[in-house]
Amino acid sequence: MRLYFLICYFAITAMVTAQNPRINGPVIVNHGGTYEVPSPTIPTDMKSPFQVVFDIKSAPENPETENPYLATVARFLNMHVLAGKAAEQLQPVMVVHGNAAYGLLTNAAYQEKFGVENPNLPLLEALHEQGVPIILCGQTAMHRDIGEGKRYQEVNVALSAMTALIQYQNKGYALITL
């Protein structure tokens, strides 16, 4: 009986996914896929800038998997541009700490730690190309021995995640915790 329910669940999920395909891009291609929402009842503000600081602390258990919390920043950019908001009005910042910090490692450091290539590097490069600041908590960096030579070259370091989050919120950035 349980097998029957599992088969039904996956069949229904496949049908829903086929009817509502995930859309890639247009800002960060191959990362941060989104869905079209044809008639949202809460309209998206197309005039005001969206300044947001993402507080990213978690990572997937499987080190071979791209961190979906890092990919949320790509999804933020993609979905809003697809909805018609100008890319210039989107101003995301990433503040990374905790287990998520390992996703900021160079390929060599990631391989040393996990035995596999860092799946997050293409995403980080794409976000950097879009001008998204990537900030690492200095306390996490020190605690987890993630020195300058071990991290992706475009990472900036703050005294702490708390410090960076406070400073960006003081500048009017909305906080999204992941």
N, C-alpha and C. Protein backbone atom coordinates (compact mmCIF):
# COMPACT_ATOMS: atom_id res chain seq x y z
N MET A 1 0.82 -1.19 0.00
CA MET A 1 0.00 0.00 0.00
C MET A 1 0.86 1.26 0.00
N ARG A 2 1.93 1.23 0.82
CA ARG A 2 2.82 2.39 0.87
C ARG A 2 3.46 2.65 -0.49
N LEU A 3 3.87 1.59 -1.18
CA LEU A 3 4.46 1.73 -2.50
C LEU A 3 3.47 2.38 -3.46
N TYR A 4 2.21 2.01 -3.37
CA TYR A 4 1.18 2.59 -4.21
C TYR A 4 1.09 4.10 -3.99
N PHE A 5 1.10 4.53 -2.73
CA PHE A 5 1.03 5.96 -2.42
C PHE A 5 2.27 6.69 -2.93
N LEU A 6 3.44 6.08 -2.80
CA LEU A 6 4.66 6.71 -3.30
C LEU A 6 4.61 6.88 -4.81
N ILE A 7 4.13 5.85 -5.50
CA ILE A 7 4.02 5.94 -6.96
C ILE A 7 3.05 7.05 -7.34
N CYS A 8 1.93 7.14 -6.66
CA CYS A 8 0.94 8.19 -6.94
C CYS A 8 1.54 9.57 -6.65
N TYR A 9 2.24 9.69 -5.55
CA TYR A 9 2.85 10.98 -5.19
C TYR A 9 3.80 11.45 -6.29
N PHE A 10 4.70 10.56 -6.72
CA PHE A 10 5.67 10.95 -7.74
C PHE A 10 5.00 11.21 -9.08
N ALA A 11 3.95 10.49 -9.41
CA ALA A 11 3.23 10.73 -10.67
C ALA A 11 2.56 12.10 -10.64
N ILE A 12 1.93 12.45 -9.53
CA ILE A 12 1.27 13.76 -9.41
C ILE A 12 2.32 14.87 -9.43
N THR A 13 3.44 14.69 -8.73
CA THR A 13 4.51 15.68 -8.73
C THR A 13 5.04 15.89 -10.14
N ALA A 14 5.22 14.82 -10.90
CA ALA A 14 5.71 14.94 -12.27
C ALA A 14 4.72 15.70 -13.14
N MET A 15 3.42 15.45 -12.96
CA MET A 15 2.40 16.16 -13.75
C MET A 15 2.40 17.65 -13.41
N VAL A 16 2.47 17.99 -12.14
CA VAL A 16 2.46 19.40 -11.73
C VAL A 16 3.70 20.10 -12.26
N THR A 17 4.86 19.44 -12.17
CA THR A 17 6.10 20.03 -12.67
C THR A 17 6.03 20.23 -14.18
N ALA A 18 5.44 19.29 -14.90
CA ALA A 18 5.31 19.43 -16.35
C ALA A 18 4.40 20.60 -16.71
N GLN A 19 3.37 20.82 -15.90
CA GLN A 19 2.44 21.92 -16.16
C GLN A 19 3.04 23.26 -15.75
N ASN A 20 3.91 23.26 -14.77
CA ASN A 20 4.53 24.48 -14.26
C ASN A 20 6.05 24.33 -14.29
N PRO A 21 6.64 24.42 -15.48
CA PRO A 21 8.08 24.19 -15.57
C PRO A 21 8.88 25.30 -14.90
N ARG A 22 9.99 24.88 -14.37
CA ARG A 22 10.91 25.84 -13.74
C ARG A 22 11.64 26.60 -14.84
N ILE A 23 11.78 27.90 -14.65
CA ILE A 23 12.39 28.77 -15.65
C ILE A 23 13.80 29.13 -15.19
N ASN A 24 14.77 28.97 -16.09
CA ASN A 24 16.15 29.36 -15.79
C ASN A 24 16.39 30.79 -16.24
N GLY A 25 17.34 31.46 -15.56
CA GLY A 25 17.75 32.80 -15.96
C GLY A 25 16.66 33.81 -15.70
N PRO A 26 16.75 34.96 -16.24
CA PRO A 26 17.66 35.45 -17.26
C PRO A 26 18.94 36.09 -16.71
N VAL A 27 19.00 36.35 -15.42
CA VAL A 27 20.16 37.06 -14.85
C VAL A 27 21.27 36.08 -14.52
N ILE A 28 20.95 35.07 -13.73
CA ILE A 28 21.92 34.04 -13.35
C ILE A 28 21.48 32.75 -14.03
N VAL A 29 22.07 32.46 -15.16
CA VAL A 29 21.69 31.30 -15.95
C VAL A 29 22.18 30.03 -15.26
N ASN A 30 21.39 28.98 -15.28
CA ASN A 30 21.70 27.66 -14.71
C ASN A 30 21.67 27.61 -13.18
N HIS A 31 21.25 28.68 -12.53
CA HIS A 31 21.13 28.69 -11.07
C HIS A 31 19.90 29.52 -10.71
N GLY A 32 19.24 29.13 -9.63
CA GLY A 32 18.13 29.95 -9.14
C GLY A 32 16.91 29.92 -10.03
N GLY A 33 16.53 28.73 -10.48
CA GLY A 33 15.33 28.59 -11.30
C GLY A 33 14.08 29.05 -10.55
N THR A 34 13.11 29.57 -11.30
CA THR A 34 11.90 30.10 -10.69
C THR A 34 10.68 29.60 -11.46
N TYR A 35 9.51 29.95 -10.96
CA TYR A 35 8.25 29.62 -11.61
C TYR A 35 7.51 30.90 -11.95
N GLU A 36 6.79 30.88 -13.04
CA GLU A 36 5.93 32.00 -13.38
C GLU A 36 4.71 31.99 -12.48
N VAL A 37 4.35 33.13 -11.95
CA VAL A 37 3.14 33.28 -11.15
C VAL A 37 2.24 34.22 -11.95
N PRO A 38 1.25 33.66 -12.67
CA PRO A 38 0.50 34.45 -13.64
C PRO A 38 -0.30 35.62 -13.06
N SER A 39 -0.92 35.45 -11.94
CA SER A 39 -1.79 36.52 -11.41
C SER A 39 -1.61 36.68 -9.91
N PRO A 40 -0.47 37.21 -9.48
CA PRO A 40 -0.31 37.38 -8.03
C PRO A 40 -1.31 38.41 -7.51
N THR A 41 -1.87 38.14 -6.35
CA THR A 41 -2.83 39.08 -5.76
C THR A 41 -2.15 40.21 -5.02
N ILE A 42 -0.87 40.05 -4.74
CA ILE A 42 -0.07 41.13 -4.17
C ILE A 42 0.88 41.57 -5.28
N PRO A 43 0.65 42.73 -5.86
CA PRO A 43 1.49 43.15 -6.98
C PRO A 43 2.92 43.46 -6.54
N THR A 44 3.85 43.24 -7.43
CA THR A 44 5.25 43.54 -7.18
C THR A 44 5.51 45.02 -7.43
N ASP A 45 6.12 45.68 -6.48
CA ASP A 45 6.48 47.09 -6.60
C ASP A 45 7.57 47.21 -7.67
N MET A 46 7.26 47.87 -8.75
CA MET A 46 8.21 48.01 -9.85
C MET A 46 9.00 49.32 -9.78
N LYS A 47 8.70 50.18 -8.81
CA LYS A 47 9.35 51.50 -8.75
C LYS A 47 10.46 51.57 -7.70
N SER A 48 10.25 50.99 -6.54
CA SER A 48 11.22 51.11 -5.45
C SER A 48 12.33 50.08 -5.59
N PRO A 49 13.54 50.44 -5.19
CA PRO A 49 14.62 49.44 -5.21
C PRO A 49 14.39 48.38 -4.14
N PHE A 50 14.83 47.18 -4.42
CA PHE A 50 14.78 46.09 -3.44
C PHE A 50 16.20 45.91 -2.91
N GLN A 51 16.46 46.46 -1.74
CA GLN A 51 17.74 46.29 -1.06
C GLN A 51 17.53 45.20 -0.02
N VAL A 52 18.24 44.11 -0.17
CA VAL A 52 18.04 42.99 0.73
C VAL A 52 19.38 42.37 1.11
N VAL A 53 19.51 42.03 2.38
CA VAL A 53 20.69 41.32 2.86
C VAL A 53 20.22 39.91 3.24
N PHE A 54 20.85 38.93 2.61
CA PHE A 54 20.54 37.52 2.86
C PHE A 54 21.47 36.99 3.94
N ASP A 55 20.90 36.49 5.02
CA ASP A 55 21.63 35.88 6.12
C ASP A 55 21.65 34.37 5.86
N ILE A 56 22.80 33.87 5.39
CA ILE A 56 22.90 32.48 4.94
C ILE A 56 23.81 31.71 5.88
N LYS A 57 23.24 30.72 6.58
CA LYS A 57 24.03 29.97 7.56
C LYS A 57 24.02 28.47 7.35
N SER A 58 23.13 27.95 6.52
CA SER A 58 22.99 26.50 6.38
C SER A 58 23.56 26.00 5.07
N ALA A 59 23.84 24.69 5.05
CA ALA A 59 24.38 24.02 3.87
C ALA A 59 23.75 22.65 3.75
N PRO A 60 23.71 22.10 2.55
CA PRO A 60 23.16 20.74 2.40
C PRO A 60 24.10 19.71 3.03
N GLU A 61 23.55 18.58 3.40
CA GLU A 61 24.37 17.52 3.98
C GLU A 61 25.34 16.93 2.97
N ASN A 62 24.92 16.84 1.71
CA ASN A 62 25.75 16.27 0.66
C ASN A 62 26.68 17.35 0.09
N PRO A 63 27.99 17.23 0.28
CA PRO A 63 28.90 18.26 -0.20
C PRO A 63 29.00 18.33 -1.73
N GLU A 64 28.44 17.35 -2.43
CA GLU A 64 28.43 17.38 -3.89
C GLU A 64 27.30 18.22 -4.45
N THR A 65 26.42 18.70 -3.57
CA THR A 65 25.23 19.45 -3.96
C THR A 65 25.45 20.95 -3.80
N GLU A 66 25.04 21.71 -4.81
CA GLU A 66 25.08 23.16 -4.69
C GLU A 66 24.22 23.59 -3.52
N ASN A 67 24.69 24.57 -2.77
CA ASN A 67 23.94 25.04 -1.61
C ASN A 67 22.70 25.81 -2.08
N PRO A 68 21.50 25.29 -1.80
CA PRO A 68 20.28 25.96 -2.27
C PRO A 68 20.05 27.31 -1.60
N TYR A 69 20.66 27.53 -0.45
CA TYR A 69 20.50 28.81 0.23
C TYR A 69 21.33 29.89 -0.48
N LEU A 70 22.49 29.53 -0.99
CA LEU A 70 23.26 30.46 -1.81
C LEU A 70 22.51 30.73 -3.12
N ALA A 71 21.91 29.68 -3.66
CA ALA A 71 21.17 29.81 -4.93
C ALA A 71 19.91 30.67 -4.78
N THR A 72 19.45 30.87 -3.56
CA THR A 72 18.28 31.72 -3.34
C THR A 72 18.55 33.15 -3.82
N VAL A 73 19.77 33.61 -3.72
CA VAL A 73 20.11 34.95 -4.17
C VAL A 73 19.95 35.03 -5.69
N ALA A 74 20.36 33.98 -6.40
CA ALA A 74 20.16 33.92 -7.85
C ALA A 74 18.67 33.89 -8.17
N ARG A 75 17.91 33.13 -7.42
CA ARG A 75 16.46 33.05 -7.64
C ARG A 75 15.81 34.42 -7.42
N PHE A 76 16.25 35.15 -6.41
CA PHE A 76 15.75 36.50 -6.14
C PHE A 76 15.94 37.38 -7.38
N LEU A 77 17.13 37.36 -7.95
CA LEU A 77 17.41 38.17 -9.14
C LEU A 77 16.59 37.70 -10.33
N ASN A 78 16.60 36.41 -10.60
CA ASN A 78 15.90 35.86 -11.76
C ASN A 78 14.40 36.12 -11.72
N MET A 79 13.77 35.83 -10.60
CA MET A 79 12.30 35.94 -10.56
C MET A 79 11.83 37.37 -10.68
N HIS A 80 12.56 38.31 -10.10
CA HIS A 80 12.12 39.70 -10.18
C HIS A 80 12.33 40.29 -11.57
N VAL A 81 13.43 39.95 -12.21
CA VAL A 81 13.64 40.42 -13.58
C VAL A 81 12.61 39.79 -14.51
N LEU A 82 12.33 38.50 -14.34
CA LEU A 82 11.29 37.85 -15.15
C LEU A 82 9.92 38.48 -14.92
N ALA A 83 9.69 39.00 -13.72
CA ALA A 83 8.41 39.65 -13.41
C ALA A 83 8.35 41.08 -13.95
N GLY A 84 9.46 41.58 -14.51
CA GLY A 84 9.46 42.91 -15.11
C GLY A 84 10.17 43.99 -14.33
N LYS A 85 10.77 43.64 -13.20
CA LYS A 85 11.50 44.64 -12.40
C LYS A 85 12.88 44.84 -13.03
N ALA A 86 13.32 46.07 -13.10
CA ALA A 86 14.64 46.38 -13.66
C ALA A 86 15.75 45.81 -12.78
N ALA A 87 16.71 45.18 -13.39
CA ALA A 87 17.82 44.57 -12.65
C ALA A 87 18.56 45.59 -11.80
N GLU A 88 18.62 46.83 -12.25
CA GLU A 88 19.31 47.89 -11.51
C GLU A 88 18.63 48.18 -10.17
N GLN A 89 17.37 47.82 -10.04
CA GLN A 89 16.64 48.07 -8.79
C GLN A 89 16.84 46.95 -7.77
N LEU A 90 17.54 45.90 -8.16
CA LEU A 90 17.76 44.76 -7.27
C LEU A 90 19.16 44.85 -6.68
N GLN A 91 19.24 44.95 -5.36
CA GLN A 91 20.51 45.14 -4.69
C GLN A 91 20.69 44.12 -3.56
N PRO A 92 20.94 42.86 -3.92
CA PRO A 92 21.15 41.85 -2.88
C PRO A 92 22.58 41.84 -2.37
N VAL A 93 22.72 41.44 -1.12
CA VAL A 93 24.01 41.23 -0.46
C VAL A 93 23.92 39.89 0.25
N MET A 94 24.99 39.13 0.22
CA MET A 94 25.04 37.83 0.91
C MET A 94 25.94 37.94 2.13
N VAL A 95 25.44 37.54 3.29
CA VAL A 95 26.27 37.42 4.49
C VAL A 95 26.25 35.94 4.86
N VAL A 96 27.42 35.33 4.82
CA VAL A 96 27.54 33.88 4.97
C VAL A 96 28.29 33.54 6.25
N HIS A 97 27.74 32.59 6.99
CA HIS A 97 28.38 32.12 8.23
C HIS A 97 27.95 30.69 8.49
N GLY A 98 28.39 30.13 9.61
CA GLY A 98 28.03 28.76 9.95
C GLY A 98 28.51 27.77 8.90
N ASN A 99 27.76 26.66 8.74
CA ASN A 99 28.14 25.62 7.78
C ASN A 99 28.15 26.12 6.34
N ALA A 100 27.38 27.15 6.04
CA ALA A 100 27.34 27.68 4.67
C ALA A 100 28.70 28.23 4.25
N ALA A 101 29.54 28.59 5.20
CA ALA A 101 30.85 29.18 4.89
C ALA A 101 31.71 28.23 4.06
N TYR A 102 31.55 26.94 4.24
CA TYR A 102 32.35 25.99 3.47
C TYR A 102 32.06 26.08 1.97
N GLY A 103 30.90 26.57 1.60
CA GLY A 103 30.58 26.76 0.19
C GLY A 103 31.40 27.85 -0.46
N LEU A 104 32.09 28.66 0.35
CA LEU A 104 32.92 29.75 -0.17
C LEU A 104 34.38 29.33 -0.33
N LEU A 105 34.69 28.07 -0.08
CA LEU A 105 36.06 27.58 -0.20
C LEU A 105 36.51 27.52 -1.66
N THR A 106 37.81 27.65 -1.87
CA THR A 106 38.37 27.40 -3.20
C THR A 106 38.14 25.93 -3.53
N ASN A 107 38.33 25.59 -4.77
CA ASN A 107 38.15 24.20 -5.17
C ASN A 107 39.14 23.30 -4.44
N ALA A 108 40.40 23.74 -4.33
CA ALA A 108 41.42 22.93 -3.66
C ALA A 108 41.09 22.72 -2.19
N ALA A 109 40.67 23.78 -1.50
CA ALA A 109 40.34 23.66 -0.08
C ALA A 109 39.09 22.80 0.12
N TYR A 110 38.12 22.93 -0.78
CA TYR A 110 36.89 22.14 -0.69
C TYR A 110 37.20 20.66 -0.91
N GLN A 111 38.06 20.38 -1.90
CA GLN A 111 38.46 18.98 -2.16
C GLN A 111 39.21 18.40 -0.97
N GLU A 112 40.04 19.21 -0.35
CA GLU A 112 40.77 18.75 0.83
C GLU A 112 39.81 18.40 1.97
N LYS A 113 38.79 19.22 2.14
CA LYS A 113 37.83 19.02 3.23
C LYS A 113 36.83 17.90 2.93
N PHE A 114 36.27 17.89 1.70
CA PHE A 114 35.16 16.99 1.38
C PHE A 114 35.48 15.91 0.36
N GLY A 115 36.62 16.01 -0.33
CA GLY A 115 36.98 15.00 -1.31
C GLY A 115 36.28 15.15 -2.65
N VAL A 116 35.59 16.26 -2.87
CA VAL A 116 34.91 16.53 -4.14
C VAL A 116 35.13 18.00 -4.52
N GLU A 117 34.84 18.31 -5.79
CA GLU A 117 34.95 19.70 -6.23
C GLU A 117 33.84 20.54 -5.63
N ASN A 118 34.11 21.82 -5.45
CA ASN A 118 33.12 22.73 -4.88
C ASN A 118 32.05 23.05 -5.92
N PRO A 119 30.82 22.55 -5.72
CA PRO A 119 29.76 22.79 -6.70
C PRO A 119 29.21 24.21 -6.68
N ASN A 120 29.63 25.01 -5.71
CA ASN A 120 29.12 26.38 -5.55
C ASN A 120 29.91 27.42 -6.33
N LEU A 121 31.09 27.08 -6.82
CA LEU A 121 31.94 28.07 -7.46
C LEU A 121 31.32 28.69 -8.72
N PRO A 122 30.69 27.92 -9.60
CA PRO A 122 30.05 28.57 -10.77
C PRO A 122 28.96 29.56 -10.35
N LEU A 123 28.21 29.23 -9.32
CA LEU A 123 27.17 30.13 -8.81
C LEU A 123 27.81 31.39 -8.23
N LEU A 124 28.84 31.23 -7.42
CA LEU A 124 29.52 32.38 -6.83
C LEU A 124 30.09 33.30 -7.91
N GLU A 125 30.67 32.71 -8.94
CA GLU A 125 31.23 33.51 -10.04
C GLU A 125 30.12 34.28 -10.75
N ALA A 126 28.99 33.63 -11.00
CA ALA A 126 27.86 34.30 -11.66
C ALA A 126 27.30 35.43 -10.80
N LEU A 127 27.21 35.22 -9.50
CA LEU A 127 26.73 36.27 -8.60
C LEU A 127 27.72 37.44 -8.56
N HIS A 128 29.00 37.12 -8.51
CA HIS A 128 30.02 38.18 -8.51
C HIS A 128 29.93 39.00 -9.80
N GLU A 129 29.74 38.33 -10.93
CA GLU A 129 29.62 39.03 -12.21
C GLU A 129 28.44 40.01 -12.21
N GLN A 130 27.43 39.74 -11.40
CA GLN A 130 26.27 40.62 -11.29
C GLN A 130 26.46 41.69 -10.21
N GLY A 131 27.63 41.70 -9.58
CA GLY A 131 27.92 42.72 -8.58
C GLY A 131 27.36 42.45 -7.20
N VAL A 132 27.02 41.19 -6.91
CA VAL A 132 26.47 40.83 -5.60
C VAL A 132 27.62 40.70 -4.60
N PRO A 133 27.65 41.54 -3.54
CA PRO A 133 28.68 41.38 -2.51
C PRO A 133 28.52 40.04 -1.77
N ILE A 134 29.64 39.35 -1.60
CA ILE A 134 29.67 38.08 -0.87
C ILE A 134 30.51 38.34 0.38
N ILE A 135 29.86 38.30 1.53
CA ILE A 135 30.52 38.65 2.79
C ILE A 135 30.58 37.43 3.70
N LEU A 136 31.75 37.12 4.17
CA LEU A 136 31.97 36.01 5.09
C LEU A 136 32.13 36.55 6.50
N CYS A 137 31.49 35.91 7.45
CA CYS A 137 31.64 36.23 8.86
C CYS A 137 33.08 35.95 9.28
N GLY A 138 33.75 36.97 9.79
CA GLY A 138 35.13 36.80 10.24
C GLY A 138 35.27 35.82 11.39
N GLN A 139 34.26 35.78 12.26
CA GLN A 139 34.30 34.85 13.38
C GLN A 139 34.23 33.40 12.87
N THR A 140 33.36 33.18 11.90
CA THR A 140 33.26 31.85 11.29
C THR A 140 34.56 31.50 10.58
N ALA A 141 35.12 32.45 9.84
CA ALA A 141 36.36 32.20 9.12
C ALA A 141 37.48 31.78 10.07
N MET A 142 37.59 32.46 11.20
CA MET A 142 38.63 32.13 12.17
C MET A 142 38.35 30.78 12.84
N HIS A 143 37.09 30.58 13.25
CA HIS A 143 36.72 29.35 13.95
C HIS A 143 36.89 28.11 13.07
N ARG A 144 36.60 28.26 11.78
CA ARG A 144 36.65 27.11 10.86
C ARG A 144 37.92 27.09 10.00
N ASP A 145 38.87 27.95 10.34
CA ASP A 145 40.16 28.00 9.64
C ASP A 145 39.97 28.20 8.12
N ILE A 146 39.19 29.23 7.78
CA ILE A 146 38.97 29.57 6.37
C ILE A 146 39.71 30.87 6.08
N GLY A 147 41.03 30.73 5.99
CA GLY A 147 41.87 31.89 5.72
C GLY A 147 41.75 32.36 4.27
N GLU A 148 42.40 33.47 3.99
CA GLU A 148 42.29 34.10 2.66
C GLU A 148 42.65 33.13 1.54
N GLY A 149 43.66 32.33 1.70
CA GLY A 149 44.08 31.39 0.66
C GLY A 149 43.13 30.23 0.45
N LYS A 150 42.20 30.03 1.37
CA LYS A 150 41.27 28.91 1.27
C LYS A 150 39.90 29.29 0.73
N ARG A 151 39.66 30.59 0.52
CA ARG A 151 38.31 31.00 0.13
C ARG A 151 38.29 31.61 -1.27
N TYR A 152 37.11 31.54 -1.88
CA TYR A 152 36.87 32.13 -3.19
C TYR A 152 37.39 33.56 -3.18
N GLN A 153 38.09 33.95 -4.22
CA GLN A 153 38.82 35.22 -4.22
C GLN A 153 37.97 36.46 -4.09
N GLU A 154 36.69 36.40 -4.40
CA GLU A 154 35.84 37.59 -4.36
C GLU A 154 35.08 37.75 -3.05
N VAL A 155 35.45 37.00 -2.04
CA VAL A 155 34.79 37.07 -0.74
C VAL A 155 35.38 38.22 0.08
N ASN A 156 34.50 39.02 0.66
CA ASN A 156 34.90 40.05 1.62
C ASN A 156 34.65 39.50 3.02
N VAL A 157 35.40 39.97 3.99
CA VAL A 157 35.27 39.48 5.36
C VAL A 157 34.85 40.63 6.28
N ALA A 158 33.83 40.37 7.09
CA ALA A 158 33.37 41.33 8.10
C ALA A 158 33.85 40.85 9.47
N LEU A 159 33.83 41.72 10.44
CA LEU A 159 34.17 41.33 11.81
C LEU A 159 33.34 40.12 12.22
N SER A 160 32.06 40.18 11.90
CA SER A 160 31.15 39.06 12.19
C SER A 160 29.95 39.17 11.28
N ALA A 161 29.17 38.11 11.20
CA ALA A 161 27.90 38.16 10.45
C ALA A 161 26.98 39.16 11.13
N MET A 162 26.95 39.16 12.45
CA MET A 162 26.10 40.11 13.17
C MET A 162 26.43 41.54 12.79
N THR A 163 27.71 41.85 12.73
CA THR A 163 28.15 43.20 12.38
C THR A 163 27.66 43.59 10.99
N ALA A 164 27.90 42.72 10.01
CA ALA A 164 27.49 43.01 8.63
C ALA A 164 25.97 43.15 8.53
N LEU A 165 25.23 42.27 9.20
CA LEU A 165 23.76 42.32 9.14
C LEU A 165 23.23 43.61 9.74
N ILE A 166 23.79 44.01 10.86
CA ILE A 166 23.36 45.27 11.49
C ILE A 166 23.66 46.45 10.57
N GLN A 167 24.86 46.49 10.03
CA GLN A 167 25.25 47.62 9.20
C GLN A 167 24.40 47.74 7.95
N TYR A 168 24.09 46.63 7.29
CA TYR A 168 23.25 46.69 6.10
C TYR A 168 21.80 47.04 6.46
N GLN A 169 21.31 46.53 7.57
CA GLN A 169 19.95 46.90 7.98
C GLN A 169 19.89 48.38 8.34
N ASN A 170 20.95 48.92 8.94
CA ASN A 170 21.00 50.35 9.24
C ASN A 170 20.99 51.20 7.98
N LYS A 171 21.41 50.62 6.85
CA LYS A 171 21.39 51.32 5.56
C LYS A 171 20.05 51.15 4.85
N GLY A 172 19.09 50.46 5.49
CA GLY A 172 17.77 50.28 4.90
C GLY A 172 17.56 48.96 4.18
N TYR A 173 18.49 48.05 4.25
CA TYR A 173 18.33 46.76 3.60
C TYR A 173 17.38 45.89 4.42
N ALA A 174 16.49 45.19 3.72
CA ALA A 174 15.59 44.24 4.38
C ALA A 174 16.37 42.95 4.65
N LEU A 175 16.05 42.29 5.74
CA LEU A 175 16.73 41.04 6.13
C LEU A 175 15.91 39.84 5.69
N ILE A 176 16.58 38.91 5.01
CA ILE A 176 15.98 37.61 4.70
C ILE A 176 16.92 36.57 5.29
N THR A 177 16.42 35.80 6.24
CA THR A 177 17.22 34.77 6.91
C THR A 177 16.95 33.42 6.28
N LEU A 178 18.02 32.72 5.92
CA LEU A 178 17.88 31.39 5.31
C LEU A 178 18.53 30.33 6.17
